[in-house]
């Protein structure tokens, strides 16, 4: 019975060590995921703003072109 208890302590210690390593790695991966999501969100916002600006410029250009065509 004592041999079983002794081995159990080693197994539990190993599992606790692995759990600590797992938690550390999970924390690191979660932080990287948060950063990645933030970067993606910022990238998408920049692209949406650019698209909005370009669509506005296109509308202004079309309006100016239609004015020029109606004058002639």
PDB file of N, CA and C in Angstrom:
ATOM      1  N   UNK A   1       0.815  -1.191   0.000  1.00  0.00           N
ATOM      2  CA  UNK A   1       0.000   0.000   0.000  1.00  0.00           C
ATOM      3  C   UNK A   1       0.862   1.260   0.000  1.00  0.00           C
ATOM      4  N   UNK A   2       1.963   1.244   0.671  1.00  0.00           N
ATOM      5  CA  UNK A   2       2.851   2.410   0.731  1.00  0.00           C
ATOM      6  C   UNK A   2       3.462   2.709  -0.642  1.00  0.00           C
ATOM      7  N   UNK A   3       3.811   1.662  -1.401  1.00  0.00           N
ATOM      8  CA  UNK A   3       4.361   1.879  -2.743  1.00  0.00           C
ATOM      9  C   UNK A   3       3.350   2.596  -3.630  1.00  0.00           C
ATOM     10  N   UNK A   4       2.104   2.218  -3.536  1.00  0.00           N
ATOM     11  CA  UNK A   4       1.051   2.853  -4.338  1.00  0.00           C
ATOM     12  C   UNK A   4       0.924   4.323  -3.977  1.00  0.00           C
ATOM     13  N   UNK A   5       0.934   4.635  -2.704  1.00  0.00           N
ATOM     14  CA  UNK A   5       0.806   6.019  -2.250  1.00  0.00           C
ATOM     15  C   UNK A   5       2.001   6.840  -2.725  1.00  0.00           C
ATOM     16  N   UNK A   6       3.186   6.278  -2.651  1.00  0.00           N
ATOM     17  CA  UNK A   6       4.392   6.977  -3.070  1.00  0.00           C
ATOM     18  C   UNK A   6       4.323   7.301  -4.558  1.00  0.00           C
ATOM     19  N   UNK A   7       3.924   6.351  -5.371  1.00  0.00           N
ATOM     20  CA  UNK A   7       3.835   6.575  -6.805  1.00  0.00           C
ATOM     21  C   UNK A   7       2.726   7.570  -7.145  1.00  0.00           C
ATOM     22  N   UNK A   8       1.683   7.534  -6.380  1.00  0.00           N
ATOM     23  CA  UNK A   8       0.582   8.472  -6.621  1.00  0.00           C
ATOM     24  C   UNK A   8       1.051   9.903  -6.423  1.00  0.00           C
ATOM     25  N   UNK A   9       1.881  10.139  -5.429  1.00  0.00           N
ATOM     26  CA  UNK A   9       2.388  11.480  -5.199  1.00  0.00           C
ATOM     27  C   UNK A   9       3.200  11.971  -6.393  1.00  0.00           C
ATOM     28  N   UNK A  10       4.013  11.085  -6.956  1.00  0.00           N
ATOM     29  CA  UNK A  10       4.803  11.457  -8.131  1.00  0.00           C
ATOM     30  C   UNK A  10       3.912  11.760  -9.334  1.00  0.00           C
ATOM     31  N   UNK A  11       2.901  10.947  -9.502  1.00  0.00           N
ATOM     32  CA  UNK A  11       1.983  11.150 -10.618  1.00  0.00           C
ATOM     33  C   UNK A  11       1.234  12.468 -10.439  1.00  0.00           C
ATOM     34  N   UNK A  12       0.753  12.729  -9.243  1.00  0.00           N
ATOM     35  CA  UNK A  12       0.034  13.972  -8.968  1.00  0.00           C
ATOM     36  C   UNK A  12       0.950  15.169  -9.183  1.00  0.00           C
ATOM     37  N   UNK A  13       2.186  15.079  -8.736  1.00  0.00           N
ATOM     38  CA  UNK A  13       3.134  16.175  -8.918  1.00  0.00           C
ATOM     39  C   UNK A  13       3.383  16.421 -10.406  1.00  0.00           C
ATOM     40  N   UNK A  14       3.522  15.352 -11.173  1.00  0.00           N
ATOM     41  CA  UNK A  14       3.731  15.480 -12.612  1.00  0.00           C
ATOM     42  C   UNK A  14       2.522  16.141 -13.275  1.00  0.00           C
ATOM     43  N   UNK A  15       1.322  15.699 -12.873  1.00  0.00           N
ATOM     44  CA  UNK A  15       0.108  16.279 -13.444  1.00  0.00           C
ATOM     45  C   UNK A  15      -0.041  17.750 -13.062  1.00  0.00           C
ATOM     46  N   UNK A  16       0.306  18.092 -11.832  1.00  0.00           N
ATOM     47  CA  UNK A  16       0.232  19.492 -11.412  1.00  0.00           C
ATOM     48  C   UNK A  16       1.219  20.348 -12.200  1.00  0.00           C
ATOM     49  N   UNK A  17       2.399  19.796 -12.461  1.00  0.00           N
ATOM     50  CA  UNK A  17       3.395  20.507 -13.252  1.00  0.00           C
ATOM     51  C   UNK A  17       2.886  20.716 -14.681  1.00  0.00           C
ATOM     52  N   UNK A  18       2.316  19.655 -15.260  1.00  0.00           N
ATOM     53  CA  UNK A  18       1.763  19.758 -16.605  1.00  0.00           C
ATOM     54  C   UNK A  18       0.597  20.745 -16.661  1.00  0.00           C
ATOM     55  N   UNK A  19      -0.223  20.762 -15.622  1.00  0.00           N
ATOM     56  CA  UNK A  19      -1.332  21.700 -15.565  1.00  0.00           C
ATOM     57  C   UNK A  19      -0.824  23.138 -15.545  1.00  0.00           C
ATOM     58  N   UNK A  20       0.227  23.377 -14.777  1.00  0.00           N
ATOM     59  CA  UNK A  20       0.823  24.719 -14.740  1.00  0.00           C
ATOM     60  C   UNK A  20       1.359  25.132 -16.101  1.00  0.00           C
ATOM     61  N   UNK A  21       2.040  24.199 -16.766  1.00  0.00           N
ATOM     62  CA  UNK A  21       2.569  24.489 -18.100  1.00  0.00           C
ATOM     63  C   UNK A  21       1.436  24.745 -19.095  1.00  0.00           C
ATOM     64  N   UNK A  22       0.382  23.946 -18.986  1.00  0.00           N
ATOM     65  CA  UNK A  22      -0.771  24.121 -19.868  1.00  0.00           C
ATOM     66  C   UNK A  22      -1.403  25.495 -19.659  1.00  0.00           C
ATOM     67  N   UNK A  23      -1.586  25.877 -18.420  1.00  0.00           N
ATOM     68  CA  UNK A  23      -2.198  27.179 -18.127  1.00  0.00           C
ATOM     69  C   UNK A  23      -1.328  28.327 -18.641  1.00  0.00           C
ATOM     70  N   UNK A  24      -0.016  28.203 -18.468  1.00  0.00           N
ATOM     71  CA  UNK A  24       0.891  29.242 -18.972  1.00  0.00           C
ATOM     72  C   UNK A  24       0.798  29.356 -20.495  1.00  0.00           C
ATOM     73  N   UNK A  25       0.797  28.211 -21.161  1.00  0.00           N
ATOM     74  CA  UNK A  25       0.715  28.210 -22.624  1.00  0.00           C
ATOM     75  C   UNK A  25      -0.640  28.746 -23.087  1.00  0.00           C
ATOM     76  N   UNK A  26      -1.707  28.368 -22.402  1.00  0.00           N
ATOM     77  CA  UNK A  26      -3.045  28.854 -22.753  1.00  0.00           C
ATOM     78  C   UNK A  26      -3.131  30.370 -22.582  1.00  0.00           C
ATOM     79  N   UNK A  27      -2.562  30.876 -21.506  1.00  0.00           N
ATOM     80  CA  UNK A  27      -2.559  32.326 -21.280  1.00  0.00           C
ATOM     81  C   UNK A  27      -1.814  33.036 -22.402  1.00  0.00           C
ATOM     82  N   UNK A  28      -0.692  32.495 -22.802  1.00  0.00           N
ATOM     83  CA  UNK A  28       0.101  33.075 -23.883  1.00  0.00           C
ATOM     84  C   UNK A  28      -0.663  33.048 -25.204  1.00  0.00           C
ATOM     85  N   UNK A  29      -1.290  31.936 -25.495  1.00  0.00           N
ATOM     86  CA  UNK A  29      -2.047  31.795 -26.739  1.00  0.00           C
ATOM     87  C   UNK A  29      -3.269  32.706 -26.725  1.00  0.00           C
ATOM     88  N   UNK A  30      -3.943  32.801 -25.591  1.00  0.00           N
ATOM     89  CA  UNK A  30      -5.106  33.696 -25.478  1.00  0.00           C
ATOM     90  C   UNK A  30      -4.700  35.151 -25.696  1.00  0.00           C
ATOM     91  N   UNK A  31      -3.562  35.549 -25.149  1.00  0.00           N
ATOM     92  CA  UNK A  31      -3.072  36.920 -25.331  1.00  0.00           C
ATOM     93  C   UNK A  31      -2.758  37.179 -26.806  1.00  0.00           C
ATOM     94  N   UNK A  32      -2.152  36.205 -27.466  1.00  0.00           N
ATOM     95  CA  UNK A  32      -1.841  36.348 -28.891  1.00  0.00           C
ATOM     96  C   UNK A  32      -3.133  36.439 -29.700  1.00  0.00           C
ATOM     97  N   UNK A  33      -4.143  35.691 -29.323  1.00  0.00           N
ATOM     98  CA  UNK A  33      -5.429  35.734 -30.023  1.00  0.00           C
ATOM     99  C   UNK A  33      -6.092  37.097 -29.860  1.00  0.00           C
ATOM    100  N   UNK A  34      -6.064  37.637 -28.649  1.00  0.00           N
ATOM    101  CA  UNK A  34      -6.643  38.966 -28.410  1.00  0.00           C
ATOM    102  C   UNK A  34      -5.928  40.008 -29.265  1.00  0.00           C
ATOM    103  N   UNK A  35      -4.607  39.937 -29.308  1.00  0.00           N
ATOM    104  CA  UNK A  35      -3.836  40.879 -30.118  1.00  0.00           C
ATOM    105  C   UNK A  35      -4.177  40.731 -31.598  1.00  0.00           C
ATOM    106  N   UNK A  36      -4.300  39.499 -32.046  1.00  0.00           N
ATOM    107  CA  UNK A  36      -4.629  39.235 -33.441  1.00  0.00           C
ATOM    108  C   UNK A  36      -6.013  39.783 -33.797  1.00  0.00           C
ATOM    109  N   UNK A  37      -6.971  39.594 -32.917  1.00  0.00           N
ATOM    110  CA  UNK A  37      -8.323  40.104 -33.152  1.00  0.00           C
ATOM    111  C   UNK A  37      -8.311  41.632 -33.197  1.00  0.00           C
ATOM    112  N   UNK A  38      -7.562  42.251 -32.297  1.00  0.00           N
ATOM    113  CA  UNK A  38      -7.463  43.715 -32.293  1.00  0.00           C
ATOM    114  C   UNK A  38      -6.851  44.228 -33.594  1.00  0.00           C
ATOM    115  N   UNK A  39      -5.787  43.577 -34.045  1.00  0.00           N
ATOM    116  CA  UNK A  39      -5.132  43.987 -35.285  1.00  0.00           C
ATOM    117  C   UNK A  39      -6.068  43.820 -36.476  1.00  0.00           C
ATOM    118  N   UNK A  40      -6.810  42.719 -36.498  1.00  0.00           N
ATOM    119  CA  UNK A  40      -7.748  42.478 -37.587  1.00  0.00           C
ATOM    120  C   UNK A  40      -8.862  43.528 -37.579  1.00  0.00           C
ATOM    121  N   UNK A  41      -9.388  43.821 -36.407  1.00  0.00           N
ATOM    122  CA  UNK A  41     -10.455  44.816 -36.285  1.00  0.00           C
ATOM    123  C   UNK A  41      -9.972  46.180 -36.764  1.00  0.00           C
ATOM    124  N   UNK A  42      -8.773  46.566 -36.369  1.00  0.00           N
ATOM    125  CA  UNK A  42      -8.197  47.832 -36.817  1.00  0.00           C
ATOM    126  C   UNK A  42      -8.006  47.832 -38.331  1.00  0.00           C
ATOM    127  N   UNK A  43      -7.482  46.751 -38.875  1.00  0.00           N
ATOM    128  CA  UNK A  43      -7.276  46.623 -40.317  1.00  0.00           C
ATOM    129  C   UNK A  43      -8.604  46.774 -41.058  1.00  0.00           C
ATOM    130  N   UNK A  44      -9.641  46.094 -40.591  1.00  0.00           N
ATOM    131  CA  UNK A  44     -10.948  46.168 -41.234  1.00  0.00           C
ATOM    132  C   UNK A  44     -11.521  47.578 -41.158  1.00  0.00           C
ATOM    133  N   UNK A  45     -11.331  48.251 -40.033  1.00  0.00           N
ATOM    134  CA  UNK A  45     -11.834  49.619 -39.903  1.00  0.00           C
ATOM    135  C   UNK A  45     -11.130  50.551 -40.879  1.00  0.00           C
ATOM    136  N   UNK A  46      -9.830  50.389 -41.026  1.00  0.00           N
ATOM    137  CA  UNK A  46      -9.070  51.206 -41.974  1.00  0.00           C
ATOM    138  C   UNK A  46      -9.581  50.961 -43.396  1.00  0.00           C
ATOM    139  N   UNK A  47      -9.805  49.704 -43.747  1.00  0.00           N
ATOM    140  CA  UNK A  47     -10.288  49.378 -45.094  1.00  0.00           C
ATOM    141  C   UNK A  47     -11.705  49.910 -45.318  1.00  0.00           C
ATOM    142  N   UNK A  48     -12.557  49.823 -44.303  1.00  0.00           N
ATOM    143  CA  UNK A  48     -13.920  50.361 -44.426  1.00  0.00           C
ATOM    144  C   UNK A  48     -13.883  51.876 -44.612  1.00  0.00           C
ATOM    145  N   UNK A  49     -13.026  52.551 -43.859  1.00  0.00           N
ATOM    146  CA  UNK A  49     -12.895  54.000 -43.994  1.00  0.00           C
ATOM    147  C   UNK A  49     -12.391  54.374 -45.391  1.00  0.00           C
ATOM    148  N   UNK A  50     -11.418  53.625 -45.880  1.00  0.00           N
ATOM    149  CA  UNK A  50     -10.885  53.876 -47.226  1.00  0.00           C
ATOM    150  C   UNK A  50     -11.969  53.656 -48.277  1.00  0.00           C
ATOM    151  N   UNK A  51     -12.720  52.577 -48.148  1.00  0.00           N
ATOM    152  CA  UNK A  51     -13.790  52.292 -49.098  1.00  0.00           C
ATOM    153  C   UNK A  51     -14.845  53.395 -49.074  1.00  0.00           C
ATOM    154  N   UNK A  52     -15.200  53.868 -47.905  1.00  0.00           N
ATOM    155  CA  UNK A  52     -16.170  54.950 -47.777  1.00  0.00           C
ATOM    156  C   UNK A  52     -15.650  56.215 -48.468  1.00  0.00           C
ATOM    157  N   UNK A  53     -14.379  56.529 -48.248  1.00  0.00           N
ATOM    158  CA  UNK A  53     -13.762  57.714 -48.865  1.00  0.00           C
ATOM    159  C   UNK A  53     -13.751  57.584 -50.384  1.00  0.00           C
ATOM    160  N   UNK A  54     -13.357  56.423 -50.874  1.00  0.00           N
ATOM    161  CA  UNK A  54     -13.287  56.221 -52.323  1.00  0.00           C
ATOM    162  C   UNK A  54     -14.678  56.253 -52.958  1.00  0.00           C
ATOM    163  N   UNK A  55     -15.670  55.688 -52.293  1.00  0.00           N
ATOM    164  CA  UNK A  55     -17.036  55.750 -52.815  1.00  0.00           C
ATOM    165  C   UNK A  55     -17.542  57.185 -52.850  1.00  0.00           C
ATOM    166  N   UNK A  56     -17.173  57.963 -51.848  1.00  0.00           N
ATOM    167  CA  UNK A  56     -17.559  59.384 -51.832  1.00  0.00           C
ATOM    168  C   UNK A  56     -16.889  60.122 -52.995  1.00  0.00           C
ATOM    169  N   UNK A  57     -15.607  59.882 -53.197  1.00  0.00           N
ATOM    170  CA  UNK A  57     -14.888  60.520 -54.296  1.00  0.00           C
ATOM    171  C   UNK A  57     -15.485  60.118 -55.644  1.00  0.00           C
ATOM    172  N   UNK A  58     -15.879  58.847 -55.774  1.00  0.00           N
ATOM    173  CA  UNK A  58     -16.497  58.374 -57.008  1.00  0.00           C
ATOM    174  C   UNK A  58     -17.833  59.083 -57.239  1.00  0.00           C
ATOM    175  N   UNK A  59     -18.623  59.218 -56.187  1.00  0.00           N
ATOM    176  CA  UNK A  59     -19.915  59.899 -56.310  1.00  0.00           C
ATOM    177  C   UNK A  59     -19.715  61.355 -56.705  1.00  0.00           C
ATOM    178  N   UNK A  60     -18.736  62.008 -56.117  1.00  0.00           N
ATOM    179  CA  UNK A  60     -18.444  63.403 -56.459  1.00  0.00           C
ATOM    180  C   UNK A  60     -17.991  63.498 -57.918  1.00  0.00           C
ATOM    181  N   UNK A  61     -17.156  62.582 -58.353  1.00  0.00           N
ATOM    182  CA  UNK A  61     -16.661  62.592 -59.731  1.00  0.00           C
ATOM    183  C   UNK A  61     -17.808  62.346 -60.708  1.00  0.00           C
ATOM    184  N   UNK A  62     -18.692  61.412 -60.383  1.00  0.00           N
ATOM    185  CA  UNK A  62     -19.835  61.140 -61.258  1.00  0.00           C
ATOM    186  C   UNK A  62     -20.759  62.358 -61.323  1.00  0.00           C
ATOM    187  N   UNK A  63     -20.963  62.996 -60.183  1.00  0.00           N
ATOM    188  CA  UNK A  63     -21.815  64.186 -60.141  1.00  0.00           C
ATOM    189  C   UNK A  63     -21.200  65.296 -60.996  1.00  0.00           C
ATOM    190  N   UNK A  64     -19.891  65.469 -60.872  1.00  0.00           N
ATOM    191  CA  UNK A  64     -19.194  66.486 -61.675  1.00  0.00           C
ATOM    192  C   UNK A  64     -19.255  66.140 -63.152  1.00  0.00           C
ATOM    193  N   UNK A  65     -19.149  64.871 -63.484  1.00  0.00           N
ATOM    194  CA  UNK A  65     -19.201  64.455 -64.890  1.00  0.00           C
ATOM    195  C   UNK A  65     -20.600  64.677 -65.455  1.00  0.00           C
ATOM    196  N   UNK A  66     -21.625  64.379 -64.662  1.00  0.00           N
ATOM    197  CA  UNK A  66     -22.981  64.585 -65.169  1.00  0.00           C
ATOM    198  C   UNK A  66     -23.271  66.067 -65.357  1.00  0.00           C
ATOM    199  N   UNK A  67     -22.693  66.916 -64.517  1.00  0.00           N
ATOM    200  CA  UNK A  67     -22.845  68.373 -64.699  1.00  0.00           C
ATOM    201  C   UNK A  67     -22.179  68.818 -65.990  1.00  0.00           C
ATOM    202  N   UNK A  68     -20.983  68.301 -66.250  1.00  0.00           N
ATOM    203  CA  UNK A  68     -20.252  68.664 -67.462  1.00  0.00           C
ATOM    204  C   UNK A  68     -20.978  68.190 -68.697  1.00  0.00           C
ATOM    205  N   UNK A  69     -21.601  67.033 -68.641  1.00  0.00           N
ATOM    206  CA  UNK A  69     -22.334  66.492 -69.789  1.00  0.00           C
ATOM    207  C   UNK A  69     -23.613  67.298 -70.032  1.00  0.00           C
ATOM    208  N   UNK A  70     -24.249  67.783 -68.999  1.00  0.00           N
ATOM    209  CA  UNK A  70     -25.505  68.522 -69.171  1.00  0.00           C
ATOM    210  C   UNK A  70     -25.240  69.942 -69.670  1.00  0.00           C
ATOM    211  N   UNK A  71     -24.056  70.467 -69.452  1.00  0.00           N
ATOM    212  CA  UNK A  71     -23.701  71.817 -69.907  1.00  0.00           C
ATOM    213  C   UNK A  71     -23.476  71.798 -71.421  1.00  0.00           C
ATOM    214  N   UNK A  72     -22.934  70.748 -71.947  1.00  0.00           N
ATOM    215  CA  UNK A  72     -22.588  70.666 -73.382  1.00  0.00           C
ATOM    216  C   UNK A  72     -23.793  70.395 -74.159  1.00  0.00           C
TER     217      UNK A  72
END
